[in-house]
Amino acid sequence: MIVPVKGIDADFDLNVAAFLAQDYPSYRLIFAVASTDDPAHARLTPIITASRGGPSVRKSEAAARRSGSTDDGVMLVVAGYSNARGEKVQNLLRGLAEVGPETEVLVFADIDARPNGDWLLTLVAPLADPAVTVSTGFRWYLPGPGFTSRLRAAWDTTVATMLGDHGENFAWGGSTAIRATDFRRLRIAEHYWAGTVSDDYALTRAVREAHGKIRFEPRCLVASREDSSFGDFFGWATRQVLLTRVYNARLWGMGLVSYLLYAAPFLLGLALVVWPRVLAPAFSPATARAGVIATLALIVALGMAKAATRTVVARELFPEERESLARYASCYWQLSVLVPWIMLANFLVSAFTRRIEWRGTVYDLRSRGEVRIVRRGR
């Protein structure tokens, strides 16, 4: 399991502990940072030192023989920087350099999410089917007391619910498993990750071009929390959409059209409410207004009803969060009214730029296979 790390997120220690304590027969855990100056390096070092020799992370006998030690069930590596790819991808590639030939499955995870105890076992299990190339989960933002935290939860779960039992799934880099033989066969490290900032979109493209199958495992939805300013949230959301534009232009185009088709009739309806006599001369103003208002209310109600199912999903997936969800989970449906408009704004902004900022580093995404570092953050 390789976990790229930059900085210290909320609940950092708890998330690290969750990765260390997976209920899995034998696994190695590799944390990768870009630099020893990263504050995560100083935080991880004593945690890893304390964990070595403990029962949490178990490695195979083959790995023990290869290393000549019983201490490398968990390790921390320093990747350095690359001018050809994103920092996260560089960290992943450095972690891969520590993977021995006896490794059967590669798992990639994100440090800002906290898996439950059987996450790893559940994520790897679908690979027992030879038809499955990649097994994946997704993040599930849990709402907090802040408005932006709740808005982020409502926004992101609309993406999570796109995954399912169909052929259009994508791999999410924060919860992905692939057989090591398939990873090498598809030349993901050498070809698809060579010049990208998006590990998951590149992995998805590799699997699709090879006509493989991506299996979504709902039980591998992992809890995440984040509160921020609205500006930081909007920048983060736009970055997700812009990555889609660069690495999956077809999906981005479909998304743009769908939100335009939602917004245009809605705006037309509002115009009819304001100017009913001009836009609907065949009807009396009162009749036109009533009809339009009823139609718009129905559209909103249907969207809120669909979003309400996410509240149910959250309570089923994260029973340990029942108190928090009892207070804040209504945001999934209450704020669903705002989500299409924020999404549309994200799509429109992403249409006019190819630059993203990720944790202080600015990237110019020239193509799916070429990226330029504009400014590096430390």
Protein backbone atom coordinates (compact mmCIF):
# COMPACT_ATOMS: atom_id res chain seq x y z
CA MET A 1 0.00 0.00 0.00
CA ILE A 2 1.47 3.35 -1.05
CA VAL A 3 0.19 6.56 0.55
CA PRO A 4 1.55 9.84 -0.86
CA VAL A 5 1.64 12.61 1.72
CA LYS A 6 2.03 16.38 1.66
CA GLY A 7 1.40 18.47 4.72
CA ILE A 8 -0.68 17.60 7.73
CA ASP A 9 -4.42 17.32 7.18
CA ALA A 10 -7.19 17.33 9.75
CA ASP A 11 -7.20 14.11 11.82
CA PHE A 12 -3.79 13.21 10.38
CA ASP A 13 -2.74 10.93 13.22
CA LEU A 14 -6.09 9.14 13.28
CA ASN A 15 -5.92 8.53 9.54
CA VAL A 16 -2.38 7.17 9.76
CA ALA A 17 -3.44 4.87 12.59
CA ALA A 18 -6.29 3.55 10.45
CA PHE A 19 -3.87 2.59 7.66
CA LEU A 20 -1.57 0.91 10.17
CA ALA A 21 -4.35 -1.18 11.68
CA GLN A 22 -5.95 -2.81 8.66
CA ASP A 23 -7.32 -6.30 9.22
CA TYR A 24 -5.37 -7.97 6.42
CA PRO A 25 -3.13 -11.06 6.58
CA SER A 26 0.04 -9.52 5.13
CA TYR A 27 0.75 -6.08 3.77
CA ARG A 28 3.46 -3.46 3.54
CA LEU A 29 2.68 0.20 4.03
CA ILE A 30 4.80 2.86 2.33
CA PHE A 31 4.34 6.55 3.06
CA ALA A 32 6.00 8.87 0.53
CA VAL A 33 6.78 12.57 0.93
CA ALA A 34 8.59 14.91 -1.45
CA SER A 35 11.01 16.36 1.06
CA THR A 36 12.28 15.99 4.60
CA ASP A 37 11.19 19.63 5.03
CA ASP A 38 7.55 18.58 4.69
CA PRO A 39 5.98 18.76 8.18
CA ALA A 40 4.45 15.34 7.54
CA HIS A 41 7.95 13.82 7.53
CA ALA A 42 8.60 14.93 11.09
CA ARG A 43 5.15 13.77 12.19
CA LEU A 44 5.37 10.36 10.48
CA THR A 45 8.87 9.44 11.61
CA PRO A 46 8.07 8.71 15.29
CA ILE A 47 4.76 7.07 14.38
CA ILE A 48 6.49 4.66 12.02
CA THR A 49 9.31 3.99 14.47
CA ALA A 50 6.79 3.12 17.16
CA SER A 51 4.80 0.88 14.82
CA ARG A 52 7.71 -1.28 13.67
CA GLY A 53 7.68 -4.69 15.22
CA GLY A 54 4.08 -4.23 16.27
CA PRO A 55 1.14 -6.41 15.24
CA SER A 56 -0.64 -3.83 13.10
CA VAL A 57 1.25 -4.03 9.81
CA ARG A 58 2.17 -7.53 8.73
CA LYS A 59 4.48 -8.34 5.86
CA SER A 60 4.97 -11.50 3.93
CA GLU A 61 7.79 -13.93 4.67
CA ALA A 62 9.14 -13.24 1.18
CA ALA A 63 9.41 -9.55 1.98
CA ALA A 64 11.17 -10.37 5.24
CA ARG A 65 13.71 -12.58 3.46
CA ARG A 66 14.29 -9.94 0.78
CA SER A 67 14.99 -7.20 3.31
CA GLY A 68 16.80 -9.34 5.86
CA SER A 69 14.81 -7.56 8.56
CA THR A 70 11.50 -7.74 10.34
CA ASP A 71 11.10 -3.97 10.59
CA ASP A 72 9.99 -2.88 7.13
CA GLY A 73 6.29 -3.62 7.30
CA VAL A 74 5.89 0.15 7.28
CA MET A 75 8.31 2.71 5.90
CA LEU A 76 8.69 6.35 4.93
CA VAL A 77 10.47 7.37 1.72
CA VAL A 78 11.47 10.75 0.32
CA ALA A 79 10.70 11.22 -3.36
CA GLY A 80 12.27 14.54 -4.24
CA TYR A 81 10.78 16.77 -6.92
CA SER A 82 10.17 16.33 -10.64
CA ASN A 83 9.65 18.92 -13.34
CA ALA A 84 7.83 16.40 -15.53
CA ARG A 85 4.93 15.33 -13.32
CA GLY A 86 2.82 16.23 -10.32
CA GLU A 87 4.21 15.89 -6.82
CA LYS A 88 1.69 13.24 -5.82
CA VAL A 89 2.59 11.09 -8.83
CA GLN A 90 6.29 11.56 -8.09
CA ASN A 91 5.67 10.32 -4.55
CA LEU A 92 3.79 7.30 -5.85
CA LEU A 93 6.61 6.40 -8.23
CA ARG A 94 9.14 6.65 -5.39
CA GLY A 95 7.00 4.33 -3.32
CA LEU A 96 6.82 1.87 -6.20
CA ALA A 97 10.63 1.69 -6.22
CA GLU A 98 10.38 -0.07 -2.84
CA VAL A 99 7.97 -2.72 -4.08
CA GLY A 100 9.50 -6.17 -4.42
CA PRO A 101 8.79 -8.71 -7.18
CA GLU A 102 6.86 -10.92 -4.76
CA THR A 103 4.12 -8.27 -4.37
CA GLU A 104 0.78 -9.49 -5.68
CA VAL A 105 -1.42 -6.41 -5.29
CA LEU A 106 -0.72 -2.68 -5.30
CA VAL A 107 -3.01 -0.39 -3.31
CA PHE A 108 -2.99 3.40 -3.51
CA ALA A 109 -4.59 5.58 -0.85
CA ASP A 110 -4.85 9.21 0.27
CA ILE A 111 -3.86 10.43 3.70
CA ASP A 112 -6.81 12.83 4.06
CA ALA A 113 -9.35 10.00 4.34
CA ARG A 114 -9.84 7.46 7.11
CA PRO A 115 -10.63 3.87 6.11
CA ASN A 116 -12.40 1.45 8.40
CA GLY A 117 -10.67 -1.67 9.65
CA ASP A 118 -11.69 -4.02 6.84
CA TRP A 119 -11.25 -1.48 4.02
CA LEU A 120 -8.11 -3.09 2.61
CA LEU A 121 -9.58 -6.58 2.63
CA THR A 122 -12.77 -5.36 1.00
CA LEU A 123 -10.90 -3.36 -1.63
CA VAL A 124 -8.63 -6.23 -2.66
CA ALA A 125 -11.32 -8.93 -2.65
CA PRO A 126 -12.84 -8.09 -6.10
CA LEU A 127 -9.45 -8.80 -7.72
CA ALA A 128 -10.11 -12.49 -7.14
CA ASP A 129 -12.23 -12.17 -10.29
CA PRO A 130 -9.84 -12.26 -13.27
CA ALA A 131 -12.23 -10.02 -15.22
CA VAL A 132 -11.67 -7.15 -12.76
CA THR A 133 -8.59 -5.07 -13.49
CA VAL A 134 -9.03 -2.38 -10.84
CA SER A 135 -11.06 -2.24 -7.66
CA THR A 136 -11.89 1.22 -6.39
CA GLY A 137 -13.79 3.17 -3.79
CA PHE A 138 -14.26 6.91 -3.41
CA ARG A 139 -14.18 9.61 -0.77
CA TRP A 140 -17.31 10.58 1.13
CA TYR A 141 -17.17 13.98 2.76
CA LEU A 142 -18.83 14.11 6.13
CA PRO A 143 -20.36 17.49 6.99
CA GLY A 144 -19.22 19.54 9.94
CA PRO A 145 -20.58 22.61 11.70
CA GLY A 146 -19.18 25.06 9.13
CA PHE A 147 -21.26 26.04 6.11
CA THR A 148 -18.45 25.34 3.65
CA SER A 149 -17.86 21.90 5.16
CA ARG A 150 -21.51 21.05 4.54
CA LEU A 151 -21.47 22.56 1.06
CA ARG A 152 -18.39 20.51 0.15
CA ALA A 153 -20.15 17.37 1.38
CA ALA A 154 -23.23 18.11 -0.73
CA TRP A 155 -21.10 18.95 -3.79
CA ASP A 156 -18.80 15.96 -3.68
CA THR A 157 -21.38 13.27 -3.03
CA THR A 158 -22.97 14.10 -6.38
CA VAL A 159 -19.74 12.75 -7.90
CA ALA A 160 -19.61 9.73 -5.59
CA THR A 161 -23.07 8.63 -6.65
CA MET A 162 -21.96 8.51 -10.30
CA LEU A 163 -20.09 5.28 -9.49
CA GLY A 164 -21.93 1.99 -9.55
CA ASP A 165 -22.42 -1.37 -11.20
CA HIS A 166 -21.75 -0.25 -14.75
CA GLY A 167 -18.96 0.13 -17.28
CA GLU A 168 -18.31 3.85 -16.85
CA ASN A 169 -16.56 3.75 -13.48
CA PHE A 170 -13.28 5.57 -12.92
CA ALA A 171 -10.47 4.71 -10.56
CA TRP A 172 -10.10 7.05 -7.60
CA GLY A 173 -6.51 7.35 -6.44
CA GLY A 174 -7.43 7.54 -2.77
CA SER A 175 -8.85 4.01 -2.71
CA THR A 176 -7.61 1.83 -5.55
CA ALA A 177 -6.26 -1.71 -5.86
CA ILE A 178 -4.72 -3.40 -8.90
CA ARG A 179 -2.77 -6.62 -9.38
CA ALA A 180 0.94 -5.88 -9.65
CA THR A 181 1.17 -7.96 -12.82
CA ASP A 182 -1.55 -5.84 -14.46
CA PHE A 183 0.10 -2.62 -13.31
CA ARG A 184 3.33 -3.68 -15.00
CA ARG A 185 1.58 -5.10 -18.07
CA LEU A 186 -0.25 -1.82 -18.70
CA ARG A 187 3.01 0.14 -18.27
CA ILE A 188 1.26 2.62 -16.00
CA ALA A 189 4.39 3.88 -14.25
CA GLU A 190 6.49 4.15 -17.41
CA HIS A 191 3.88 5.54 -19.77
CA TYR A 192 0.70 6.86 -18.16
CA TRP A 193 2.27 8.39 -15.04
CA ALA A 194 5.36 9.77 -16.76
CA GLY A 195 4.00 13.28 -17.36
CA THR A 196 0.75 13.74 -15.46
CA VAL A 197 -0.60 15.30 -12.29
CA SER A 198 -3.62 12.99 -12.16
CA ASP A 199 -2.73 9.48 -11.06
CA ASP A 200 -6.33 8.27 -11.10
CA TYR A 201 -7.38 9.64 -14.49
CA ALA A 202 -4.18 8.25 -16.02
CA LEU A 203 -4.80 4.86 -14.43
CA THR A 204 -8.40 4.92 -15.64
CA ARG A 205 -7.26 5.67 -19.19
CA ALA A 206 -4.75 2.83 -19.10
CA VAL A 207 -7.42 0.35 -18.04
CA ARG A 208 -9.95 1.54 -20.61
CA GLU A 209 -7.46 1.49 -23.46
CA ALA A 210 -6.68 -2.10 -22.52
CA HIS A 211 -10.43 -2.89 -22.37
CA GLY A 212 -10.17 -3.77 -18.69
CA LYS A 213 -12.85 -3.48 -16.01
CA ILE A 214 -13.02 -1.07 -13.08
CA ARG A 215 -15.12 -2.42 -10.24
CA PHE A 216 -16.62 0.02 -7.78
CA GLU A 217 -16.86 -1.32 -4.25
CA PRO A 218 -19.36 0.76 -2.20
CA ARG A 219 -17.99 -0.55 1.09
CA CYS A 220 -14.71 1.17 0.23
CA LEU A 221 -16.14 4.66 0.40
CA VAL A 222 -13.82 6.36 2.88
CA ALA A 223 -14.75 9.14 5.25
CA SER A 224 -13.14 12.53 4.83
CA ARG A 225 -13.60 15.90 6.51
CA GLU A 226 -12.50 19.36 5.56
CA ASP A 227 -13.58 22.86 6.40
CA SER A 228 -12.24 25.92 4.64
CA SER A 229 -13.17 29.30 3.28
CA PHE A 230 -15.63 29.39 0.41
CA GLY A 231 -12.82 30.57 -1.89
CA ASP A 232 -10.67 27.56 -1.04
CA PHE A 233 -13.61 25.23 -1.56
CA PHE A 234 -14.48 26.78 -4.92
CA GLY A 235 -10.85 26.54 -6.04
CA TRP A 236 -10.73 22.88 -4.99
CA ALA A 237 -14.01 22.10 -6.78
CA THR A 238 -12.89 23.88 -9.93
CA ARG A 239 -9.64 21.93 -9.85
CA GLN A 240 -11.56 18.64 -9.87
CA VAL A 241 -13.54 19.78 -12.91
CA LEU A 242 -10.48 21.15 -14.71
CA LEU A 243 -8.66 17.85 -14.25
CA THR A 244 -11.64 16.19 -15.90
CA ARG A 245 -11.45 18.64 -18.80
CA VAL A 246 -7.78 17.87 -19.44
CA TYR A 247 -7.78 14.13 -18.80
CA ASN A 248 -11.30 13.14 -19.85
CA ALA A 249 -12.61 15.80 -22.25
CA ARG A 250 -15.62 13.71 -23.26
CA LEU A 251 -16.87 13.40 -19.68
CA TRP A 252 -16.22 17.11 -19.09
CA GLY A 253 -18.23 18.02 -22.20
CA MET A 254 -21.14 15.83 -21.11
CA GLY A 255 -21.09 17.43 -17.68
CA LEU A 256 -21.05 20.95 -19.10
CA VAL A 257 -24.00 20.21 -21.37
CA SER A 258 -26.00 18.61 -18.57
CA TYR A 259 -25.59 21.61 -16.25
CA LEU A 260 -26.33 24.05 -19.05
CA LEU A 261 -29.51 22.10 -19.82
CA TYR A 262 -30.45 22.39 -16.15
CA ALA A 263 -29.66 26.08 -15.87
CA ALA A 264 -31.15 27.36 -19.13
CA PRO A 265 -34.77 26.23 -18.53
CA PHE A 266 -34.50 27.36 -14.91
CA LEU A 267 -33.37 30.84 -15.91
CA LEU A 268 -36.04 30.97 -18.59
CA GLY A 269 -38.61 30.03 -15.98
CA LEU A 270 -37.46 32.84 -13.68
CA ALA A 271 -37.71 35.25 -16.61
CA LEU A 272 -41.28 34.08 -17.20
CA VAL A 273 -42.10 34.80 -13.58
CA VAL A 274 -40.77 38.35 -13.92
CA TRP A 275 -42.10 39.10 -17.41
CA PRO A 276 -45.02 36.71 -17.97
CA ARG A 277 -46.93 38.96 -20.38
CA VAL A 278 -43.92 39.43 -22.68
CA LEU A 279 -42.75 35.80 -22.76
CA ALA A 280 -46.11 34.03 -22.50
CA PRO A 281 -48.72 36.36 -24.05
CA ALA A 282 -51.23 33.54 -24.58
CA PHE A 283 -51.72 33.18 -20.81
CA SER A 284 -52.76 35.60 -18.14
CA PRO A 285 -49.83 36.79 -15.97
CA ALA A 286 -51.19 35.01 -12.91
CA THR A 287 -51.63 31.71 -14.76
CA ALA A 288 -48.18 31.92 -16.34
CA ARG A 289 -46.52 32.69 -13.03
CA ALA A 290 -48.33 29.90 -11.19
CA GLY A 291 -47.47 27.33 -13.84
CA VAL A 292 -43.82 28.30 -13.97
CA ILE A 293 -43.43 28.44 -10.19
CA ALA A 294 -45.04 25.01 -9.83
CA THR A 295 -42.72 23.56 -12.47
CA LEU A 296 -39.60 25.05 -10.92
CA ALA A 297 -40.67 23.89 -7.46
CA LEU A 298 -41.16 20.36 -8.80
CA ILE A 299 -37.66 20.37 -10.34
CA VAL A 300 -36.13 21.50 -7.05
CA ALA A 301 -38.18 19.01 -5.02
CA LEU A 302 -37.13 16.09 -7.22
CA GLY A 303 -33.49 17.08 -6.88
CA MET A 304 -33.79 17.37 -3.11
CA ALA A 305 -35.55 14.00 -2.90
CA LYS A 306 -32.72 12.36 -4.84
CA ALA A 307 -30.13 14.05 -2.64
CA ALA A 308 -31.94 12.88 0.49
CA THR A 309 -30.87 9.32 -0.31
CA ARG A 310 -27.28 10.44 0.34
CA THR A 311 -28.23 11.15 3.93
CA VAL A 312 -29.42 7.55 4.23
CA VAL A 313 -26.24 6.27 2.57
CA ALA A 314 -24.03 8.25 4.95
CA ARG A 315 -25.82 6.86 8.00
CA GLU A 316 -25.55 3.30 6.68
CA LEU A 317 -21.86 3.58 5.75
CA PHE A 318 -20.65 5.43 8.83
CA PRO A 319 -22.71 4.33 11.85
CA GLU A 320 -19.93 5.53 14.15
CA GLU A 321 -20.73 9.08 12.97
CA ARG A 322 -24.41 8.90 13.89
CA GLU A 323 -24.30 11.81 16.33
CA SER A 324 -22.56 14.12 13.88
CA LEU A 325 -24.80 13.02 11.02
CA ALA A 326 -27.90 13.55 13.12
CA ARG A 327 -26.91 17.22 13.41
CA TYR A 328 -25.52 17.96 9.96
CA ALA A 329 -26.52 15.28 7.42
CA SER A 330 -29.54 17.28 6.28
CA CYS A 331 -27.05 19.35 4.27
CA TYR A 332 -26.97 16.62 1.61
CA TRP A 333 -30.50 17.54 0.53
CA GLN A 334 -30.87 21.08 1.85
CA LEU A 335 -27.83 22.40 -0.01
CA SER A 336 -28.49 20.33 -3.12
CA VAL A 337 -30.31 23.40 -4.46
CA LEU A 338 -26.97 25.25 -4.67
CA VAL A 339 -24.85 22.41 -6.06
CA PRO A 340 -25.89 22.62 -9.77
CA TRP A 341 -25.11 26.33 -9.87
CA ILE A 342 -21.72 25.90 -8.23
CA MET A 343 -21.00 23.01 -10.58
CA LEU A 344 -21.92 25.15 -13.58
CA ALA A 345 -19.62 27.91 -12.35
CA ASN A 346 -16.82 25.35 -11.92
CA PHE A 347 -17.32 24.12 -15.48
CA LEU A 348 -17.38 27.64 -16.92
CA VAL A 349 -14.22 28.70 -15.09
CA SER A 350 -12.43 25.50 -16.11
CA ALA A 351 -13.21 26.22 -19.77
CA PHE A 352 -10.85 29.21 -19.78
CA THR A 353 -7.75 27.94 -18.00
CA ARG A 354 -5.38 25.01 -17.83
CA ARG A 355 -3.69 25.99 -14.59
CA ILE A 356 -4.33 24.43 -11.22
CA GLU A 357 -2.84 24.97 -7.79
CA TRP A 358 -2.35 22.00 -5.51
CA ARG A 359 -0.99 22.68 -2.05
CA GLY A 360 1.03 25.69 -3.12
CA THR A 361 2.37 24.30 -6.41
CA VAL A 362 0.96 25.73 -9.64
CA TYR A 363 0.78 23.44 -12.67
CA ASP A 364 0.13 24.27 -16.29
CA LEU A 365 -1.64 21.24 -17.77
CA ARG A 366 -0.57 21.37 -21.38
CA SER A 367 -2.00 17.99 -22.36
CA ARG A 368 -2.80 14.58 -20.89
CA GLY A 369 0.88 13.68 -21.04
CA GLU A 370 2.63 17.00 -20.45
CA VAL A 371 2.68 19.30 -17.45
CA ARG A 372 4.78 22.36 -16.63
CA ILE A 373 5.59 23.49 -13.12
CA VAL A 374 4.82 27.22 -12.95
CA ARG A 375 5.58 27.73 -9.26
CA ARG A 376 6.58 25.17 -6.68
CA GLY A 377 5.25 25.31 -3.16
CA ARG A 378 7.21 23.91 -0.29
